[in-house]
Amino acid sequence: ARVNKCLIALVNRKIVTKDNSTGAVLYHWQG
């Protein structure tokens, strides 16, 4: 739950991108 909360905040600020094109949800660091 805490990891998901942190990832949501990072994705909303576009610091991390969320990719599910391969069927699995992957998070990529953008800075």
Full PDB file with SEQRES, HELIX, SHEET, SSBOND, CRYST1, ORIGX, SCALE, CONECT and MASTER records, all heavy atoms in Angstrom:
SEQRES   1 A   31  ALA ARG VAL ASN LYS CYS LEU ILE ALA LEU VAL ASN ARG          
SEQRES   2 A   31  LYS ILE VAL THR LYS ASP ASN SER THR GLY ALA VAL LEU          
SEQRES   3 A   31  TYR HIS TRP GLN GLY                                          
HELIX    1 AA1 ARG A    2  ASN A   12  1                                  11    
SHEET    1 AA1 2 VAL A  16  ASP A  19  0                                        
SHEET    2 AA1 2 LEU A  26  TRP A  29 -1                                        
CRYST1    1.000    1.000    1.000  90.00  90.00  90.00 P 1           1          
ORIGX1      1.000000  0.000000  0.000000        0.00000                         
ORIGX2      0.000000  1.000000  0.000000        0.00000                         
ORIGX3      0.000000  0.000000  1.000000        0.00000                         
SCALE1      1.000000  0.000000  0.000000        0.00000                         
SCALE2      0.000000  1.000000  0.000000        0.00000                         
SCALE3      0.000000  0.000000  1.000000        0.00000                         
ATOM      1  N   ALA A   1       0.826  -1.211   0.000  1.00  0.00           N  
ATOM      2  CA  ALA A   1       0.000   0.000   0.000  1.00  0.00           C  
ATOM      3  C   ALA A   1       0.863   1.265   0.000  1.00  0.00           C  
ATOM      4  O   ALA A   1       0.588   2.228  -0.731  1.00  0.00           O  
ATOM      5  CB  ALA A   1      -0.932  -0.005   1.210  1.00  0.00           C  
ATOM      6  N   ARG A   2       1.928   1.273   0.799  1.00  0.00           N  
ATOM      7  CA  ARG A   2       2.798   2.451   0.842  1.00  0.00           C  
ATOM      8  C   ARG A   2       3.565   2.630  -0.469  1.00  0.00           C  
ATOM      9  O   ARG A   2       3.759   3.744  -0.944  1.00  0.00           O  
ATOM     10  CB  ARG A   2       3.770   2.335   2.014  1.00  0.00           C  
ATOM     11  CG  ARG A   2       3.099   2.530   3.368  1.00  0.00           C  
ATOM     12  CD  ARG A   2       4.104   2.448   4.494  1.00  0.00           C  
ATOM     13  NE  ARG A   2       3.494   2.757   5.779  1.00  0.00           N  
ATOM     14  CZ  ARG A   2       3.400   3.965   6.293  1.00  0.00           C  
ATOM     15  NH1 ARG A   2       3.888   4.996   5.633  1.00  0.00           N  
ATOM     16  NH2 ARG A   2       2.826   4.177   7.482  1.00  0.00           N  
ATOM     17  N   VAL A   3       4.020   1.519  -1.060  1.00  0.00           N  
ATOM     18  CA  VAL A   3       4.714   1.601  -2.348  1.00  0.00           C  
ATOM     19  C   VAL A   3       3.784   2.160  -3.412  1.00  0.00           C  
ATOM     20  O   VAL A   3       4.159   3.022  -4.222  1.00  0.00           O  
ATOM     21  CB  VAL A   3       5.263   0.222  -2.749  1.00  0.00           C  
ATOM     22  CG1 VAL A   3       5.809   0.263  -4.166  1.00  0.00           C  
ATOM     23  CG2 VAL A   3       6.358  -0.218  -1.795  1.00  0.00           C  
ATOM     24  N   ASN A   4       2.548   1.671  -3.424  1.00  0.00           N  
ATOM     25  CA  ASN A   4       1.580   2.164  -4.409  1.00  0.00           C  
ATOM     26  C   ASN A   4       1.304   3.648  -4.215  1.00  0.00           C  
ATOM     27  O   ASN A   4       1.190   4.413  -5.188  1.00  0.00           O  
ATOM     28  CB  ASN A   4       0.284   1.363  -4.279  1.00  0.00           C  
ATOM     29  CG  ASN A   4      -0.636   1.565  -5.462  1.00  0.00           C  
ATOM     30  OD1 ASN A   4      -0.203   1.937  -6.543  1.00  0.00           O  
ATOM     31  ND2 ASN A   4      -1.910   1.337  -5.265  1.00  0.00           N  
ATOM     32  N   LYS A   5       1.216   4.087  -2.976  1.00  0.00           N  
ATOM     33  CA  LYS A   5       0.985   5.507  -2.691  1.00  0.00           C  
ATOM     34  C   LYS A   5       2.147   6.363  -3.184  1.00  0.00           C  
ATOM     35  O   LYS A   5       1.947   7.432  -3.787  1.00  0.00           O  
ATOM     36  CB  LYS A   5       0.777   5.693  -1.190  1.00  0.00           C  
ATOM     37  CG  LYS A   5       0.471   7.120  -0.769  1.00  0.00           C  
ATOM     38  CD  LYS A   5       0.213   7.187   0.725  1.00  0.00           C  
ATOM     39  CE  LYS A   5      -0.132   8.615   1.150  1.00  0.00           C  
ATOM     40  NZ  LYS A   5      -0.396   8.697   2.605  1.00  0.00           N  
ATOM     41  N   CYS A   6       3.371   5.903  -2.939  1.00  0.00           N  
ATOM     42  CA  CYS A   6       4.545   6.646  -3.402  1.00  0.00           C  
ATOM     43  C   CYS A   6       4.612   6.699  -4.919  1.00  0.00           C  
ATOM     44  O   CYS A   6       4.916   7.744  -5.513  1.00  0.00           O  
ATOM     45  CB  CYS A   6       5.812   6.023  -2.830  1.00  0.00           C  
ATOM     46  SG  CYS A   6       5.940   6.082  -1.021  1.00  0.00           S  
ATOM     47  N   LEU A   7       4.297   5.573  -5.579  1.00  0.00           N  
ATOM     48  CA  LEU A   7       4.360   5.540  -7.043  1.00  0.00           C  
ATOM     49  C   LEU A   7       3.297   6.439  -7.667  1.00  0.00           C  
ATOM     50  O   LEU A   7       3.540   7.084  -8.691  1.00  0.00           O  
ATOM     51  CB  LEU A   7       4.198   4.103  -7.535  1.00  0.00           C  
ATOM     52  CG  LEU A   7       5.371   3.167  -7.250  1.00  0.00           C  
ATOM     53  CD1 LEU A   7       5.034   1.744  -7.675  1.00  0.00           C  
ATOM     54  CD2 LEU A   7       6.632   3.627  -7.960  1.00  0.00           C  
ATOM     55  N   ILE A   8       2.123   6.493  -7.056  1.00  0.00           N  
ATOM     56  CA  ILE A   8       1.068   7.371  -7.587  1.00  0.00           C  
ATOM     57  C   ILE A   8       1.514   8.824  -7.533  1.00  0.00           C  
ATOM     58  O   ILE A   8       1.314   9.599  -8.485  1.00  0.00           O  
ATOM     59  CB  ILE A   8      -0.233   7.150  -6.803  1.00  0.00           C  
ATOM     60  CG1 ILE A   8      -0.830   5.778  -7.130  1.00  0.00           C  
ATOM     61  CG2 ILE A   8      -1.250   8.241  -7.114  1.00  0.00           C  
ATOM     62  CD1 ILE A   8      -2.035   5.432  -6.303  1.00  0.00           C  
ATOM     63  N   ALA A   9       2.127   9.216  -6.421  1.00  0.00           N  
ATOM     64  CA  ALA A   9       2.610  10.601  -6.309  1.00  0.00           C  
ATOM     65  C   ALA A   9       3.696  10.894  -7.344  1.00  0.00           C  
ATOM     66  O   ALA A   9       3.724  11.969  -7.952  1.00  0.00           O  
ATOM     67  CB  ALA A   9       3.129  10.850  -4.897  1.00  0.00           C  
ATOM     68  N   LEU A  10       4.614   9.942  -7.570  1.00  0.00           N  
ATOM     69  CA  LEU A  10       5.689  10.160  -8.541  1.00  0.00           C  
ATOM     70  C   LEU A  10       5.149  10.201  -9.972  1.00  0.00           C  
ATOM     71  O   LEU A  10       5.618  10.998 -10.797  1.00  0.00           O  
ATOM     72  CB  LEU A  10       6.734   9.049  -8.398  1.00  0.00           C  
ATOM     73  CG  LEU A  10       7.537   9.043  -7.086  1.00  0.00           C  
ATOM     74  CD1 LEU A  10       8.379   7.793  -6.984  1.00  0.00           C  
ATOM     75  CD2 LEU A  10       8.414  10.279  -6.987  1.00  0.00           C  
ATOM     76  N   VAL A  11       4.164   9.361 -10.282  1.00  0.00           N  
ATOM     77  CA  VAL A  11       3.586   9.350 -11.629  1.00  0.00           C  
ATOM     78  C   VAL A  11       2.807  10.632 -11.888  1.00  0.00           C  
ATOM     79  O   VAL A  11       2.844  11.191 -12.990  1.00  0.00           O  
ATOM     80  CB  VAL A  11       2.690   8.104 -11.803  1.00  0.00           C  
ATOM     81  CG1 VAL A  11       1.921   8.180 -13.122  1.00  0.00           C  
ATOM     82  CG2 VAL A  11       3.537   6.839 -11.785  1.00  0.00           C  
ATOM     83  N   ASN A  12       2.085  11.133 -10.864  1.00  0.00           N  
ATOM     84  CA  ASN A  12       1.327  12.375 -11.043  1.00  0.00           C  
ATOM     85  C   ASN A  12       2.249  13.559 -11.321  1.00  0.00           C  
ATOM     86  O   ASN A  12       1.871  14.492 -12.041  1.00  0.00           O  
ATOM     87  CB  ASN A  12       0.480  12.651  -9.803  1.00  0.00           C  
ATOM     88  CG  ASN A  12      -0.671  11.674  -9.671  1.00  0.00           C  
ATOM     89  OD1 ASN A  12      -1.114  11.079 -10.657  1.00  0.00           O  
ATOM     90  ND2 ASN A  12      -1.167  11.493  -8.461  1.00  0.00           N  
ATOM     91  N   ARG A  13       3.458  13.566 -10.740  1.00  0.00           N  
ATOM     92  CA  ARG A  13       4.410  14.649 -10.989  1.00  0.00           C  
ATOM     93  C   ARG A  13       5.270  14.382 -12.228  1.00  0.00           C  
ATOM     94  O   ARG A  13       6.192  15.116 -12.523  1.00  0.00           O  
ATOM     95  CB  ARG A  13       5.323  14.821  -9.767  1.00  0.00           C  
ATOM     96  CG  ARG A  13       4.625  15.396  -8.551  1.00  0.00           C  
ATOM     97  CD  ARG A  13       4.150  16.814  -8.807  1.00  0.00           C  
ATOM     98  NE  ARG A  13       3.625  17.451  -7.612  1.00  0.00           N  
ATOM     99  CZ  ARG A  13       2.369  17.385  -7.212  1.00  0.00           C  
ATOM    100  NH1 ARG A  13       1.493  16.698  -7.946  1.00  0.00           N  
ATOM    101  NH2 ARG A  13       1.970  17.985  -6.106  1.00  0.00           N  
ATOM    102  N   LYS A  14       4.975  13.283 -12.949  1.00  0.00           N  
ATOM    103  CA  LYS A  14       5.693  12.909 -14.179  1.00  0.00           C  
ATOM    104  C   LYS A  14       7.180  12.665 -13.915  1.00  0.00           C  
ATOM    105  O   LYS A  14       8.005  12.811 -14.817  1.00  0.00           O  
ATOM    106  CB  LYS A  14       5.504  13.980 -15.251  1.00  0.00           C  
ATOM    107  CG  LYS A  14       4.062  14.149 -15.688  1.00  0.00           C  
ATOM    108  CD  LYS A  14       3.939  15.179 -16.789  1.00  0.00           C  
ATOM    109  CE  LYS A  14       2.490  15.336 -17.217  1.00  0.00           C  
ATOM    110  NZ  LYS A  14       2.318  16.338 -18.293  1.00  0.00           N  
ATOM    111  N   ILE A  15       7.504  12.308 -12.687  1.00  0.00           N  
ATOM    112  CA  ILE A  15       8.884  11.920 -12.370  1.00  0.00           C  
ATOM    113  C   ILE A  15       9.120  10.473 -12.768  1.00  0.00           C  
ATOM    114  O   ILE A  15      10.227  10.073 -13.122  1.00  0.00           O  
ATOM    115  CB  ILE A  15       9.156  12.140 -10.873  1.00  0.00           C  
ATOM    116  CG1 ILE A  15       8.947  13.613 -10.512  1.00  0.00           C  
ATOM    117  CG2 ILE A  15      10.552  11.710 -10.490  1.00  0.00           C  
ATOM    118  CD1 ILE A  15       9.027  13.903  -9.031  1.00  0.00           C  
ATOM    119  N   VAL A  16       8.069   9.675 -12.731  1.00  0.00           N  
ATOM    120  CA  VAL A  16       8.103   8.263 -13.111  1.00  0.00           C  
ATOM    121  C   VAL A  16       6.978   8.041 -14.115  1.00  0.00           C  
ATOM    122  O   VAL A  16       5.888   8.603 -13.985  1.00  0.00           O  
ATOM    123  CB  VAL A  16       7.915   7.358 -11.872  1.00  0.00           C  
ATOM    124  CG1 VAL A  16       7.826   5.897 -12.285  1.00  0.00           C  
ATOM    125  CG2 VAL A  16       9.067   7.547 -10.899  1.00  0.00           C  
ATOM    126  N   THR A  17       7.248   7.241 -15.144  1.00  0.00           N  
ATOM    127  CA  THR A  17       6.233   6.897 -16.134  1.00  0.00           C  
ATOM    128  C   THR A  17       5.779   5.468 -15.921  1.00  0.00           C  
ATOM    129  O   THR A  17       6.562   4.605 -15.536  1.00  0.00           O  
ATOM    130  CB  THR A  17       6.781   7.060 -17.556  1.00  0.00           C  
ATOM    131  OG1 THR A  17       7.958   6.231 -17.713  1.00  0.00           O  
ATOM    132  CG2 THR A  17       7.140   8.500 -17.836  1.00  0.00           C  
ATOM    133  N   LYS A  18       4.516   5.241 -16.182  1.00  0.00           N  
ATOM    134  CA  LYS A  18       3.884   3.928 -16.003  1.00  0.00           C  
ATOM    135  C   LYS A  18       3.638   3.313 -17.369  1.00  0.00           C  
ATOM    136  O   LYS A  18       3.038   3.925 -18.235  1.00  0.00           O  
ATOM    137  CB  LYS A  18       2.580   4.091 -15.221  1.00  0.00           C  
ATOM    138  CG  LYS A  18       1.890   2.788 -14.867  1.00  0.00           C  
ATOM    139  CD  LYS A  18       0.645   3.095 -14.054  1.00  0.00           C  
ATOM    140  CE  LYS A  18      -0.087   1.824 -13.667  1.00  0.00           C  
ATOM    141  NZ  LYS A  18      -1.333   2.133 -12.899  1.00  0.00           N  
ATOM    142  N   ASP A  19       4.104   2.085 -17.564  1.00  0.00           N  
ATOM    143  CA  ASP A  19       3.995   1.412 -18.864  1.00  0.00           C  
ATOM    144  C   ASP A  19       3.384   0.034 -18.657  1.00  0.00           C  
ATOM    145  O   ASP A  19       3.858  -0.752 -17.833  1.00  0.00           O  
ATOM    146  CB  ASP A  19       5.382   1.287 -19.503  1.00  0.00           C  
ATOM    147  CG  ASP A  19       5.308   0.618 -20.870  1.00  0.00           C  
ATOM    148  OD1 ASP A  19       4.222   0.648 -21.481  1.00  0.00           O  
ATOM    149  OD2 ASP A  19       6.322   0.052 -21.308  1.00  0.00           O  
ATOM    150  N   ASN A  20       2.317  -0.237 -19.389  1.00  0.00           N  
ATOM    151  CA  ASN A  20       1.685  -1.561 -19.340  1.00  0.00           C  
ATOM    152  C   ASN A  20       1.478  -2.139 -20.733  1.00  0.00           C  
ATOM    153  O   ASN A  20       0.555  -2.909 -20.960  1.00  0.00           O  
ATOM    154  CB  ASN A  20       0.341  -1.483 -18.603  1.00  0.00           C  
ATOM    155  CG  ASN A  20      -0.625  -0.519 -19.266  1.00  0.00           C  
ATOM    156  OD1 ASN A  20      -0.234   0.222 -20.169  1.00  0.00           O  
ATOM    157  ND2 ASN A  20      -1.865  -0.520 -18.840  1.00  0.00           N  
ATOM    158  N   SER A  21       2.317  -1.724 -21.673  1.00  0.00           N  
ATOM    159  CA  SER A  21       2.177  -2.209 -23.050  1.00  0.00           C  
ATOM    160  C   SER A  21       2.547  -3.670 -23.192  1.00  0.00           C  
ATOM    161  O   SER A  21       2.085  -4.346 -24.116  1.00  0.00           O  
ATOM    162  CB  SER A  21       3.043  -1.355 -23.978  1.00  0.00           C  
ATOM    163  OG  SER A  21       4.409  -1.416 -23.585  1.00  0.00           O  
ATOM    164  N   THR A  22       3.369  -4.192 -22.306  1.00  0.00           N  
ATOM    165  CA  THR A  22       3.782  -5.597 -22.396  1.00  0.00           C  
ATOM    166  C   THR A  22       2.885  -6.534 -21.608  1.00  0.00           C  
ATOM    167  O   THR A  22       3.156  -7.724 -21.535  1.00  0.00           O  
ATOM    168  CB  THR A  22       5.224  -5.737 -21.879  1.00  0.00           C  
ATOM    169  OG1 THR A  22       5.284  -5.288 -20.515  1.00  0.00           O  
ATOM    170  CG2 THR A  22       6.173  -4.913 -22.725  1.00  0.00           C  
ATOM    171  N   GLY A  23       1.831  -6.028 -21.011  1.00  0.00           N  
ATOM    172  CA  GLY A  23       0.957  -6.861 -20.200  1.00  0.00           C  
ATOM    173  C   GLY A  23       1.255  -6.760 -18.726  1.00  0.00           C  
ATOM    174  O   GLY A  23       0.396  -7.047 -17.894  1.00  0.00           O  
ATOM    175  N   ALA A  24       2.480  -6.405 -18.361  1.00  0.00           N  
ATOM    176  CA  ALA A  24       2.871  -6.212 -16.959  1.00  0.00           C  
ATOM    177  C   ALA A  24       3.133  -4.732 -16.727  1.00  0.00           C  
ATOM    178  O   ALA A  24       3.685  -4.031 -17.576  1.00  0.00           O  
ATOM    179  CB  ALA A  24       4.122  -7.018 -16.629  1.00  0.00           C  
ATOM    180  N   VAL A  25       2.722  -4.235 -15.571  1.00  0.00           N  
ATOM    181  CA  VAL A  25       2.876  -2.823 -15.240  1.00  0.00           C  
ATOM    182  C   VAL A  25       4.321  -2.569 -14.799  1.00  0.00           C  
ATOM    183  O   VAL A  25       4.797  -3.173 -13.828  1.00  0.00           O  
ATOM    184  CB  VAL A  25       1.899  -2.400 -14.127  1.00  0.00           C  
ATOM    185  CG1 VAL A  25       2.076  -0.926 -13.810  1.00  0.00           C  
ATOM    186  CG2 VAL A  25       0.473  -2.683 -14.549  1.00  0.00           C  
ATOM    187  N   LEU A  26       5.015  -1.695 -15.529  1.00  0.00           N  
ATOM    188  CA  LEU A  26       6.406  -1.358 -15.238  1.00  0.00           C  
ATOM    189  C   LEU A  26       6.508   0.145 -15.010  1.00  0.00           C  
ATOM    190  O   LEU A  26       5.809   0.943 -15.641  1.00  0.00           O  
ATOM    191  CB  LEU A  26       7.318  -1.771 -16.398  1.00  0.00           C  
ATOM    192  CG  LEU A  26       7.341  -3.270 -16.747  1.00  0.00           C  
ATOM    193  CD1 LEU A  26       8.223  -3.510 -17.965  1.00  0.00           C  
ATOM    194  CD2 LEU A  26       7.828  -4.099 -15.575  1.00  0.00           C  
ATOM    195  N   TYR A  27       7.418   0.524 -14.114  1.00  0.00           N  
ATOM    196  CA  TYR A  27       7.641   1.929 -13.787  1.00  0.00           C  
ATOM    197  C   TYR A  27       9.064   2.306 -14.209  1.00  0.00           C  
ATOM    198  O   TYR A  27      10.024   1.629 -13.830  1.00  0.00           O  
ATOM    199  CB  TYR A  27       7.443   2.170 -12.287  1.00  0.00           C  
ATOM    200  CG  TYR A  27       6.041   1.930 -11.825  1.00  0.00           C  
ATOM    201  CD1 TYR A  27       5.623   0.678 -11.391  1.00  0.00           C  
ATOM    202  CD2 TYR A  27       5.088   2.951 -11.856  1.00  0.00           C  
ATOM    203  CE1 TYR A  27       4.325   0.451 -10.968  1.00  0.00           C  
ATOM    204  CE2 TYR A  27       3.784   2.735 -11.430  1.00  0.00           C  
ATOM    205  CZ  TYR A  27       3.412   1.475 -11.000  1.00  0.00           C  
ATOM    206  OH  TYR A  27       2.127   1.253 -10.586  1.00  0.00           O  
ATOM    207  N   HIS A  28       9.176   3.383 -14.992  1.00  0.00           N  
ATOM    208  CA  HIS A  28      10.455   3.839 -15.516  1.00  0.00           C  
ATOM    209  C   HIS A  28      10.796   5.190 -14.899  1.00  0.00           C  
ATOM    210  O   HIS A  28       9.961   6.098 -14.831  1.00  0.00           O  
ATOM    211  CB  HIS A  28      10.395   3.982 -17.043  1.00  0.00           C  
ATOM    212  CG  HIS A  28      10.125   2.689 -17.753  1.00  0.00           C  
ATOM    213  ND1 HIS A  28      11.104   1.815 -18.128  1.00  0.00           N  
ATOM    214  CD2 HIS A  28       8.956   2.108 -18.137  1.00  0.00           C  
ATOM    215  CE1 HIS A  28      10.587   0.766 -18.720  1.00  0.00           C  
ATOM    216  NE2 HIS A  28       9.264   0.925 -18.745  1.00  0.00           N  
ATOM    217  N   TRP A  29      12.040   5.320 -14.468  1.00  0.00           N  
ATOM    218  CA  TRP A  29      12.510   6.564 -13.846  1.00  0.00           C  
ATOM    219  C   TRP A  29      12.798   7.593 -14.915  1.00  0.00           C  
ATOM    220  O   TRP A  29      13.512   7.334 -15.890  1.00  0.00           O  
ATOM    221  CB  TRP A  29      13.749   6.287 -13.007  1.00  0.00           C  
ATOM    222  CG  TRP A  29      14.371   7.532 -12.440  1.00  0.00           C  
ATOM    223  CD1 TRP A  29      15.459   8.202 -12.893  1.00  0.00           C  
ATOM    224  CD2 TRP A  29      13.913   8.243 -11.302  1.00  0.00           C  
ATOM    225  NE1 TRP A  29      15.702   9.281 -12.114  1.00  0.00           N  
ATOM    226  CE2 TRP A  29      14.766   9.354 -11.122  1.00  0.00           C  
ATOM    227  CE3 TRP A  29      12.855   8.075 -10.413  1.00  0.00           C  
ATOM    228  CZ2 TRP A  29      14.613  10.259 -10.103  1.00  0.00           C  
ATOM    229  CZ3 TRP A  29      12.698   8.986  -9.386  1.00  0.00           C  
ATOM    230  CH2 TRP A  29      13.574  10.058  -9.234  1.00  0.00           C  
ATOM    231  N   GLN A  30      12.242   8.821 -14.776  1.00  0.00           N  
ATOM    232  CA  GLN A  30      12.460   9.898 -15.723  1.00  0.00           C  
ATOM    233  C   GLN A  30      13.200  11.073 -15.100  1.00  0.00           C  
ATOM    234  O   GLN A  30      13.873  11.813 -15.796  1.00  0.00           O  
ATOM    235  CB  GLN A  30      11.106  10.397 -16.265  1.00  0.00           C  
ATOM    236  CG  GLN A  30      10.304   9.332 -16.974  1.00  0.00           C  
ATOM    237  CD  GLN A  30      10.968   8.841 -18.239  1.00  0.00           C  
ATOM    238  OE1 GLN A  30      11.680   9.599 -18.896  1.00  0.00           O  
ATOM    239  NE2 GLN A  30      10.741   7.595 -18.594  1.00  0.00           N  
ATOM    240  N   GLY A  31      13.087  11.246 -13.792  1.00  0.00           N  
ATOM    241  CA  GLY A  31      13.723  12.369 -13.143  1.00  0.00           C  
ATOM    242  C   GLY A  31      12.776  13.563 -13.036  1.00  0.00           C  
ATOM    243  O   GLY A  31      11.680  13.578 -13.612  1.00  0.00           O  
TER     244      GLY A  31                                                      
MASTER        0    0    0    1    2    0    0    6  243    1    0    3          
END                                                                             
